[in-house]
Amino acid sequence: MELNKGKSLLAGAAVLFSGALLTACGQSKGASEKQVLNWMTSAEIITMDPSKATDATSFTQMENTMEGLYQLDKDNQAKEALATKAAQSKDGLTWTFDLRKDGKWSNGQAVTAKDFVYSWQRTVNPKTASQYSYIFSGIKNADAIVAGKKAPSSLGVKALGK
């Protein structure tokens, strides 16, 4: 399937947002091991905040340094990243994701379900002013939160366990 550049950018944004916008998650043993990567970009990176990014350079760099629940493979098909399993309820309204146990932030702390909840609530919060908050429109209360009619804490997501 071939996507045009705009659709690819939107697909990339969706993958980033669906993954809770996690910075430098991976299988590292922790922050005690110093690792350095020098990276050149074709333009200035405007932001590394997935809730605020709108330009191709920022999205490209975030795709290279962040991992979410899913990521796109070489054929632009979603595949599991931090998610190890996904289950949909019989009524189709609830999704449950199991997370990899080895997901780490760049400082070595474990990635938790609460991190996803925080990130998603932050993205729909009108104070964040995310141009991609509409991606969450299918989640309970998201539209009302974006419109300023409900609190971000009322977003229809919750963390079960860690």
N, C-alpha and C. Protein backbone atom coordinates (compact mmCIF):
# COMPACT_ATOMS: atom_id res chain seq x y z
N MET A 1 0.84 -1.17 0.00
CA MET A 1 0.00 0.00 0.00
C MET A 1 0.89 1.23 0.00
N GLU A 2 0.66 2.13 -0.91
CA GLU A 2 1.48 3.33 -1.00
C GLU A 2 0.69 4.51 -0.46
N LEU A 3 1.31 5.25 0.47
CA LEU A 3 0.67 6.41 1.06
C LEU A 3 1.34 7.67 0.57
N ASN A 4 0.57 8.73 0.41
CA ASN A 4 1.21 9.99 0.06
C ASN A 4 1.88 10.56 1.30
N LYS A 5 2.68 11.60 1.14
CA LYS A 5 3.47 12.15 2.24
C LYS A 5 2.60 12.61 3.41
N GLY A 6 1.48 13.26 3.12
CA GLY A 6 0.58 13.74 4.17
C GLY A 6 -0.01 12.59 4.97
N LYS A 7 -0.42 11.53 4.27
CA LYS A 7 -0.97 10.38 4.97
C LYS A 7 0.11 9.67 5.77
N SER A 8 1.32 9.62 5.25
CA SER A 8 2.42 9.00 5.98
C SER A 8 2.71 9.77 7.25
N LEU A 9 2.68 11.10 7.16
CA LEU A 9 2.92 11.93 8.34
C LEU A 9 1.83 11.70 9.36
N LEU A 10 0.57 11.66 8.92
CA LEU A 10 -0.53 11.42 9.82
C LEU A 10 -0.44 10.03 10.43
N ALA A 11 -0.09 9.03 9.63
CA ALA A 11 0.06 7.67 10.16
C ALA A 11 1.18 7.63 11.19
N GLY A 12 2.26 8.31 10.92
CA GLY A 12 3.36 8.38 11.88
C GLY A 12 2.93 9.05 13.17
N ALA A 13 2.16 10.12 13.05
CA ALA A 13 1.67 10.82 14.23
C ALA A 13 0.75 9.92 15.04
N ALA A 14 -0.11 9.19 14.36
CA ALA A 14 -1.03 8.29 15.06
C ALA A 14 -0.27 7.22 15.82
N VAL A 15 0.76 6.68 15.21
CA VAL A 15 1.55 5.65 15.89
C VAL A 15 2.24 6.25 17.11
N LEU A 16 2.78 7.44 16.96
CA LEU A 16 3.44 8.08 18.09
C LEU A 16 2.46 8.32 19.22
N PHE A 17 1.29 8.89 18.89
CA PHE A 17 0.33 9.18 19.92
C PHE A 17 -0.23 7.91 20.54
N SER A 18 -0.48 6.90 19.74
CA SER A 18 -1.02 5.67 20.29
C SER A 18 -0.05 5.02 21.24
N GLY A 19 1.17 5.34 21.09
CA GLY A 19 2.20 4.77 21.95
C GLY A 19 2.48 5.59 23.17
N ALA A 20 1.70 6.54 23.46
CA ALA A 20 1.84 7.33 24.64
C ALA A 20 3.01 8.23 24.63
N LEU A 21 3.58 8.31 23.52
CA LEU A 21 4.55 9.36 23.36
C LEU A 21 5.72 9.19 24.32
N LEU A 22 6.32 8.08 24.27
CA LEU A 22 7.36 7.72 25.23
C LEU A 22 8.74 8.05 24.68
N THR A 23 9.51 8.76 25.43
CA THR A 23 10.83 9.19 24.99
C THR A 23 11.87 8.14 25.29
N ALA A 24 12.59 7.74 24.27
CA ALA A 24 13.76 6.88 24.39
C ALA A 24 13.50 5.61 25.18
N CYS A 25 12.39 4.98 24.95
CA CYS A 25 12.11 3.70 25.59
C CYS A 25 12.85 2.61 24.84
N GLY A 26 13.20 1.60 25.53
CA GLY A 26 13.89 0.52 24.85
C GLY A 26 14.31 -0.55 25.81
N GLN A 27 15.26 -1.33 25.39
CA GLN A 27 15.69 -2.46 26.18
C GLN A 27 17.00 -2.18 26.89
N SER A 28 17.35 -0.92 27.09
CA SER A 28 18.61 -0.60 27.76
C SER A 28 18.56 -1.07 29.20
N LYS A 29 19.72 -1.33 29.75
CA LYS A 29 19.81 -1.80 31.12
C LYS A 29 19.62 -0.66 32.11
N GLY A 30 19.67 0.56 31.66
CA GLY A 30 19.46 1.69 32.54
C GLY A 30 20.30 2.86 32.12
N ALA A 31 20.16 3.93 32.87
CA ALA A 31 20.84 5.17 32.52
C ALA A 31 22.31 5.15 32.94
N SER A 32 22.75 4.13 33.67
CA SER A 32 24.13 4.10 34.14
C SER A 32 25.12 3.85 33.01
N GLU A 33 24.68 3.25 31.92
CA GLU A 33 25.55 3.02 30.78
C GLU A 33 25.49 4.23 29.86
N LYS A 34 26.60 4.94 29.73
CA LYS A 34 26.62 6.14 28.90
C LYS A 34 26.67 5.74 27.43
N GLN A 35 25.71 6.26 26.68
CA GLN A 35 25.67 6.03 25.25
C GLN A 35 25.45 7.37 24.57
N VAL A 36 26.16 7.60 23.49
CA VAL A 36 26.07 8.86 22.77
C VAL A 36 25.75 8.58 21.31
N LEU A 37 24.82 9.34 20.78
CA LEU A 37 24.48 9.26 19.37
C LEU A 37 24.51 10.67 18.81
N ASN A 38 25.31 10.90 17.82
CA ASN A 38 25.32 12.18 17.12
C ASN A 38 24.48 12.01 15.86
N TRP A 39 23.52 12.90 15.67
CA TRP A 39 22.56 12.75 14.59
C TRP A 39 22.43 14.07 13.85
N MET A 40 22.47 14.02 12.55
CA MET A 40 22.33 15.22 11.73
C MET A 40 20.93 15.26 11.13
N THR A 41 20.33 16.43 11.12
CA THR A 41 19.01 16.59 10.52
C THR A 41 19.08 17.60 9.38
N SER A 42 18.11 17.52 8.50
CA SER A 42 18.09 18.42 7.35
C SER A 42 17.52 19.79 7.70
N ALA A 43 16.87 19.89 8.84
CA ALA A 43 16.30 21.16 9.30
C ALA A 43 16.28 21.14 10.82
N GLU A 44 16.05 22.30 11.41
CA GLU A 44 15.99 22.40 12.87
C GLU A 44 14.84 21.55 13.40
N ILE A 45 15.10 20.87 14.50
CA ILE A 45 14.04 20.12 15.18
C ILE A 45 13.26 21.14 16.00
N ILE A 46 12.02 21.37 15.64
CA ILE A 46 11.20 22.38 16.30
C ILE A 46 10.85 21.94 17.72
N THR A 47 10.47 20.70 17.88
CA THR A 47 10.11 20.18 19.20
C THR A 47 10.26 18.67 19.22
N MET A 48 10.52 18.14 20.40
CA MET A 48 10.50 16.69 20.59
C MET A 48 9.31 16.33 21.48
N ASP A 49 8.36 17.22 21.58
CA ASP A 49 7.14 16.99 22.34
C ASP A 49 6.08 16.46 21.38
N PRO A 50 5.77 15.18 21.46
CA PRO A 50 4.81 14.59 20.51
C PRO A 50 3.43 15.23 20.54
N SER A 51 3.06 15.84 21.65
CA SER A 51 1.77 16.51 21.72
C SER A 51 1.76 17.83 20.97
N LYS A 52 2.94 18.36 20.68
CA LYS A 52 3.03 19.67 20.04
C LYS A 52 3.63 19.64 18.64
N ALA A 53 4.27 18.55 18.26
CA ALA A 53 4.94 18.48 16.96
C ALA A 53 3.93 18.56 15.82
N THR A 54 4.34 19.27 14.76
CA THR A 54 3.50 19.36 13.56
C THR A 54 4.33 19.26 12.29
N ASP A 55 5.64 19.27 12.41
CA ASP A 55 6.50 19.30 11.23
C ASP A 55 7.17 17.95 10.99
N ALA A 56 7.55 17.72 9.75
CA ALA A 56 8.12 16.44 9.34
C ALA A 56 9.45 16.14 10.05
N THR A 57 10.29 17.15 10.24
CA THR A 57 11.59 16.91 10.88
C THR A 57 11.39 16.43 12.31
N SER A 58 10.52 17.09 13.06
CA SER A 58 10.27 16.67 14.44
C SER A 58 9.70 15.26 14.47
N PHE A 59 8.72 14.98 13.61
CA PHE A 59 8.13 13.64 13.59
C PHE A 59 9.17 12.58 13.23
N THR A 60 10.04 12.87 12.29
CA THR A 60 11.07 11.91 11.91
C THR A 60 11.99 11.61 13.08
N GLN A 61 12.41 12.65 13.79
CA GLN A 61 13.31 12.44 14.92
C GLN A 61 12.61 11.69 16.05
N MET A 62 11.34 11.98 16.28
CA MET A 62 10.60 11.26 17.32
C MET A 62 10.43 9.79 16.94
N GLU A 63 10.20 9.52 15.66
CA GLU A 63 10.09 8.12 15.21
C GLU A 63 11.39 7.37 15.46
N ASN A 64 12.51 8.09 15.39
CA ASN A 64 13.82 7.47 15.60
C ASN A 64 14.21 7.34 17.06
N THR A 65 13.52 8.03 17.95
CA THR A 65 13.93 8.03 19.36
C THR A 65 12.84 7.62 20.33
N MET A 66 11.64 7.38 19.87
CA MET A 66 10.53 7.05 20.76
C MET A 66 9.84 5.77 20.30
N GLU A 67 9.20 5.14 21.23
CA GLU A 67 8.47 3.92 20.91
C GLU A 67 7.14 3.95 21.64
N GLY A 68 6.07 3.59 20.95
CA GLY A 68 4.75 3.57 21.54
C GLY A 68 4.21 2.16 21.63
N LEU A 69 2.91 2.03 21.78
CA LEU A 69 2.29 0.71 21.83
C LEU A 69 2.56 -0.05 20.54
N TYR A 70 2.48 0.66 19.44
CA TYR A 70 2.70 0.07 18.12
C TYR A 70 3.67 0.94 17.34
N GLN A 71 4.24 0.38 16.29
CA GLN A 71 5.05 1.14 15.34
C GLN A 71 4.74 0.62 13.95
N LEU A 72 5.10 1.41 12.96
CA LEU A 72 4.88 1.00 11.58
C LEU A 72 6.09 0.22 11.08
N ASP A 73 5.83 -0.88 10.38
CA ASP A 73 6.93 -1.64 9.79
C ASP A 73 7.27 -1.06 8.42
N LYS A 74 8.15 -1.71 7.70
CA LYS A 74 8.61 -1.19 6.40
C LYS A 74 7.49 -1.08 5.38
N ASP A 75 6.39 -1.80 5.59
CA ASP A 75 5.25 -1.75 4.69
C ASP A 75 4.12 -0.86 5.22
N ASN A 76 4.45 -0.03 6.21
CA ASN A 76 3.48 0.86 6.86
C ASN A 76 2.33 0.11 7.52
N GLN A 77 2.62 -1.08 8.01
CA GLN A 77 1.64 -1.87 8.74
C GLN A 77 1.97 -1.78 10.23
N ALA A 78 0.95 -1.63 11.06
CA ALA A 78 1.18 -1.54 12.50
C ALA A 78 1.65 -2.88 13.05
N LYS A 79 2.67 -2.82 13.91
CA LYS A 79 3.14 -4.01 14.60
C LYS A 79 3.40 -3.63 16.05
N GLU A 80 3.35 -4.61 16.93
CA GLU A 80 3.53 -4.35 18.35
C GLU A 80 4.91 -3.78 18.63
N ALA A 81 4.96 -2.83 19.55
CA ALA A 81 6.21 -2.25 20.01
C ALA A 81 6.26 -2.43 21.53
N LEU A 82 5.76 -1.47 22.30
CA LEU A 82 5.69 -1.65 23.75
C LEU A 82 4.52 -2.54 24.15
N ALA A 83 3.54 -2.67 23.30
CA ALA A 83 2.42 -3.58 23.56
C ALA A 83 2.86 -5.01 23.24
N THR A 84 2.49 -5.93 24.09
CA THR A 84 2.77 -7.34 23.80
C THR A 84 1.49 -8.07 23.42
N LYS A 85 0.37 -7.51 23.82
CA LYS A 85 -0.92 -8.14 23.54
C LYS A 85 -1.99 -7.07 23.60
N ALA A 86 -2.98 -7.18 22.74
CA ALA A 86 -4.13 -6.27 22.76
C ALA A 86 -5.40 -7.11 22.71
N ALA A 87 -6.38 -6.72 23.51
CA ALA A 87 -7.66 -7.43 23.53
C ALA A 87 -8.78 -6.41 23.46
N GLN A 88 -9.78 -6.71 22.63
CA GLN A 88 -10.94 -5.84 22.49
C GLN A 88 -12.13 -6.50 23.16
N SER A 89 -12.93 -5.70 23.88
CA SER A 89 -14.12 -6.24 24.53
C SER A 89 -15.15 -6.66 23.49
N LYS A 90 -16.11 -7.49 23.90
CA LYS A 90 -17.13 -7.97 22.97
C LYS A 90 -17.94 -6.84 22.36
N ASP A 91 -18.18 -5.77 23.13
CA ASP A 91 -18.95 -4.65 22.59
C ASP A 91 -18.09 -3.69 21.76
N GLY A 92 -16.79 -3.95 21.68
CA GLY A 92 -15.89 -3.15 20.87
C GLY A 92 -15.51 -1.80 21.45
N LEU A 93 -15.93 -1.53 22.68
CA LEU A 93 -15.70 -0.22 23.27
C LEU A 93 -14.46 -0.14 24.15
N THR A 94 -13.94 -1.29 24.54
CA THR A 94 -12.80 -1.29 25.46
C THR A 94 -11.65 -2.09 24.87
N TRP A 95 -10.47 -1.49 24.94
CA TRP A 95 -9.25 -2.17 24.52
C TRP A 95 -8.35 -2.30 25.74
N THR A 96 -7.72 -3.45 25.88
CA THR A 96 -6.76 -3.68 26.96
C THR A 96 -5.43 -4.05 26.33
N PHE A 97 -4.38 -3.36 26.75
CA PHE A 97 -3.03 -3.61 26.22
C PHE A 97 -2.13 -4.09 27.34
N ASP A 98 -1.40 -5.16 27.08
CA ASP A 98 -0.33 -5.60 27.98
C ASP A 98 0.96 -4.97 27.49
N LEU A 99 1.77 -4.50 28.43
CA LEU A 99 3.02 -3.84 28.07
C LEU A 99 4.21 -4.76 28.26
N ARG A 100 5.23 -4.53 27.43
CA ARG A 100 6.49 -5.24 27.63
C ARG A 100 7.04 -4.91 29.01
N LYS A 101 7.64 -5.88 29.64
CA LYS A 101 8.21 -5.67 30.98
C LYS A 101 9.53 -4.92 30.91
N ASP A 102 10.21 -4.94 29.76
CA ASP A 102 11.54 -4.33 29.67
C ASP A 102 11.52 -2.90 29.13
N GLY A 103 10.35 -2.29 28.99
CA GLY A 103 10.28 -0.92 28.50
C GLY A 103 10.88 0.04 29.52
N LYS A 104 11.80 0.85 29.08
CA LYS A 104 12.49 1.79 29.97
C LYS A 104 12.49 3.19 29.38
N TRP A 105 12.44 4.18 30.25
CA TRP A 105 12.69 5.56 29.86
C TRP A 105 14.19 5.74 29.71
N SER A 106 14.60 6.85 29.15
CA SER A 106 16.03 7.10 28.95
C SER A 106 16.80 7.17 30.26
N ASN A 107 16.11 7.44 31.37
CA ASN A 107 16.78 7.49 32.67
C ASN A 107 16.79 6.13 33.38
N GLY A 108 16.29 5.10 32.72
CA GLY A 108 16.30 3.76 33.27
C GLY A 108 15.04 3.37 34.02
N GLN A 109 14.15 4.32 34.29
CA GLN A 109 12.91 3.98 34.98
C GLN A 109 11.98 3.19 34.06
N ALA A 110 11.20 2.31 34.66
CA ALA A 110 10.28 1.47 33.90
C ALA A 110 9.14 2.30 33.30
N VAL A 111 8.75 1.96 32.09
CA VAL A 111 7.57 2.55 31.47
C VAL A 111 6.36 1.83 32.05
N THR A 112 5.36 2.60 32.47
CA THR A 112 4.17 2.01 33.09
C THR A 112 2.91 2.42 32.34
N ALA A 113 1.83 1.74 32.64
CA ALA A 113 0.54 2.10 32.06
C ALA A 113 0.14 3.51 32.47
N LYS A 114 0.53 3.93 33.67
CA LYS A 114 0.22 5.29 34.12
C LYS A 114 0.88 6.34 33.23
N ASP A 115 2.04 6.01 32.66
CA ASP A 115 2.70 6.94 31.73
C ASP A 115 1.84 7.16 30.49
N PHE A 116 1.20 6.10 30.02
CA PHE A 116 0.32 6.22 28.86
C PHE A 116 -0.89 7.08 29.20
N VAL A 117 -1.49 6.84 30.35
CA VAL A 117 -2.66 7.63 30.77
C VAL A 117 -2.29 9.11 30.85
N TYR A 118 -1.18 9.41 31.51
CA TYR A 118 -0.73 10.80 31.63
C TYR A 118 -0.55 11.44 30.25
N SER A 119 0.13 10.74 29.38
CA SER A 119 0.43 11.27 28.05
C SER A 119 -0.83 11.55 27.25
N TRP A 120 -1.75 10.62 27.27
CA TRP A 120 -2.97 10.79 26.49
C TRP A 120 -3.82 11.91 27.08
N GLN A 121 -3.91 11.98 28.41
CA GLN A 121 -4.67 13.07 29.04
C GLN A 121 -4.03 14.42 28.72
N ARG A 122 -2.72 14.47 28.70
CA ARG A 122 -2.00 15.70 28.38
C ARG A 122 -2.28 16.13 26.94
N THR A 123 -2.33 15.20 26.02
CA THR A 123 -2.55 15.54 24.62
C THR A 123 -3.93 16.14 24.39
N VAL A 124 -4.96 15.64 25.06
CA VAL A 124 -6.31 16.18 24.87
C VAL A 124 -6.59 17.41 25.73
N ASN A 125 -5.72 17.70 26.66
CA ASN A 125 -5.89 18.87 27.52
C ASN A 125 -5.81 20.14 26.67
N PRO A 126 -6.83 21.00 26.73
CA PRO A 126 -6.79 22.23 25.92
C PRO A 126 -5.58 23.11 26.22
N LYS A 127 -5.05 23.04 27.43
CA LYS A 127 -3.87 23.84 27.79
C LYS A 127 -2.64 23.41 26.98
N THR A 128 -2.60 22.15 26.56
CA THR A 128 -1.48 21.67 25.74
C THR A 128 -1.60 22.19 24.32
N ALA A 129 -2.81 22.40 23.86
CA ALA A 129 -3.09 22.92 22.52
C ALA A 129 -2.50 22.03 21.42
N SER A 130 -2.64 20.73 21.57
CA SER A 130 -2.13 19.80 20.57
C SER A 130 -2.98 19.86 19.30
N GLN A 131 -2.31 20.05 18.16
CA GLN A 131 -3.04 20.06 16.89
C GLN A 131 -3.51 18.66 16.50
N TYR A 132 -3.00 17.63 17.17
CA TYR A 132 -3.39 16.27 16.86
C TYR A 132 -4.29 15.65 17.93
N SER A 133 -4.89 16.47 18.77
CA SER A 133 -5.77 15.94 19.81
C SER A 133 -6.98 15.22 19.21
N TYR A 134 -7.35 15.59 17.98
CA TYR A 134 -8.51 14.95 17.33
C TYR A 134 -8.29 13.45 17.12
N ILE A 135 -7.05 13.00 17.12
CA ILE A 135 -6.77 11.58 16.94
C ILE A 135 -7.40 10.76 18.06
N PHE A 136 -7.62 11.39 19.21
CA PHE A 136 -8.19 10.70 20.37
C PHE A 136 -9.71 10.80 20.41
N SER A 137 -10.31 11.34 19.38
CA SER A 137 -11.75 11.59 19.35
C SER A 137 -12.59 10.36 19.66
N GLY A 138 -12.13 9.19 19.32
CA GLY A 138 -12.89 7.97 19.57
C GLY A 138 -12.86 7.50 21.01
N ILE A 139 -12.09 8.16 21.86
CA ILE A 139 -11.99 7.77 23.27
C ILE A 139 -13.03 8.55 24.07
N LYS A 140 -13.67 7.88 24.98
CA LYS A 140 -14.72 8.48 25.80
C LYS A 140 -14.26 9.82 26.39
N ASN A 141 -15.09 10.83 26.21
CA ASN A 141 -14.92 12.18 26.74
C ASN A 141 -13.83 13.01 26.05
N ALA A 142 -13.12 12.46 25.10
CA ALA A 142 -12.02 13.21 24.48
C ALA A 142 -12.50 14.52 23.85
N ASP A 143 -13.57 14.47 23.09
CA ASP A 143 -14.06 15.68 22.43
C ASP A 143 -14.48 16.75 23.44
N ALA A 144 -15.14 16.33 24.51
CA ALA A 144 -15.57 17.28 25.54
C ALA A 144 -14.36 17.88 26.27
N ILE A 145 -13.32 17.09 26.46
CA ILE A 145 -12.10 17.60 27.11
C ILE A 145 -11.43 18.62 26.21
N VAL A 146 -11.26 18.29 24.94
CA VAL A 146 -10.63 19.21 23.98
C VAL A 146 -11.41 20.52 23.92
N ALA A 147 -12.74 20.44 24.02
CA ALA A 147 -13.60 21.63 23.98
C ALA A 147 -13.60 22.38 25.30
N GLY A 148 -12.91 21.86 26.31
CA GLY A 148 -12.86 22.53 27.61
C GLY A 148 -14.07 22.29 28.48
N LYS A 149 -14.89 21.30 28.14
CA LYS A 149 -16.12 21.04 28.89
C LYS A 149 -15.96 19.98 29.97
N LYS A 150 -14.87 19.23 29.92
CA LYS A 150 -14.59 18.21 30.93
C LYS A 150 -13.12 18.26 31.29
N ALA A 151 -12.81 17.72 32.45
CA ALA A 151 -11.41 17.68 32.91
C ALA A 151 -10.65 16.58 32.18
N PRO A 152 -9.35 16.78 31.93
CA PRO A 152 -8.54 15.74 31.28
C PRO A 152 -8.58 14.40 32.02
N SER A 153 -8.76 14.45 33.32
CA SER A 153 -8.81 13.20 34.10
C SER A 153 -10.04 12.36 33.77
N SER A 154 -11.02 12.93 33.06
CA SER A 154 -12.22 12.16 32.69
C SER A 154 -12.06 11.40 31.38
N LEU A 155 -10.87 11.50 30.75
CA LEU A 155 -10.63 10.75 29.51
C LEU A 155 -10.85 9.27 29.78
N GLY A 156 -11.46 8.57 28.87
CA GLY A 156 -11.83 7.16 29.06
C GLY A 156 -10.68 6.19 28.96
N VAL A 157 -9.61 6.45 29.68
CA VAL A 157 -8.47 5.53 29.77
C VAL A 157 -8.10 5.36 31.23
N LYS A 158 -7.62 4.17 31.57
CA LYS A 158 -7.14 3.96 32.93
C LYS A 158 -6.04 2.93 32.91
N ALA A 159 -5.21 3.00 33.93
CA ALA A 159 -4.09 2.08 34.07
C ALA A 159 -4.49 0.97 35.03
N LEU A 160 -4.36 -0.25 34.57
CA LEU A 160 -4.60 -1.42 35.41
C LEU A 160 -3.25 -2.00 35.77
N GLY A 161 -2.96 -2.18 37.01
CA GLY A 161 -1.64 -2.69 37.41
C GLY A 161 -0.60 -1.62 37.20
N LYS A 162 0.61 -2.06 36.85
CA LYS A 162 1.70 -1.11 36.64
C LYS A 162 1.62 -0.66 35.23
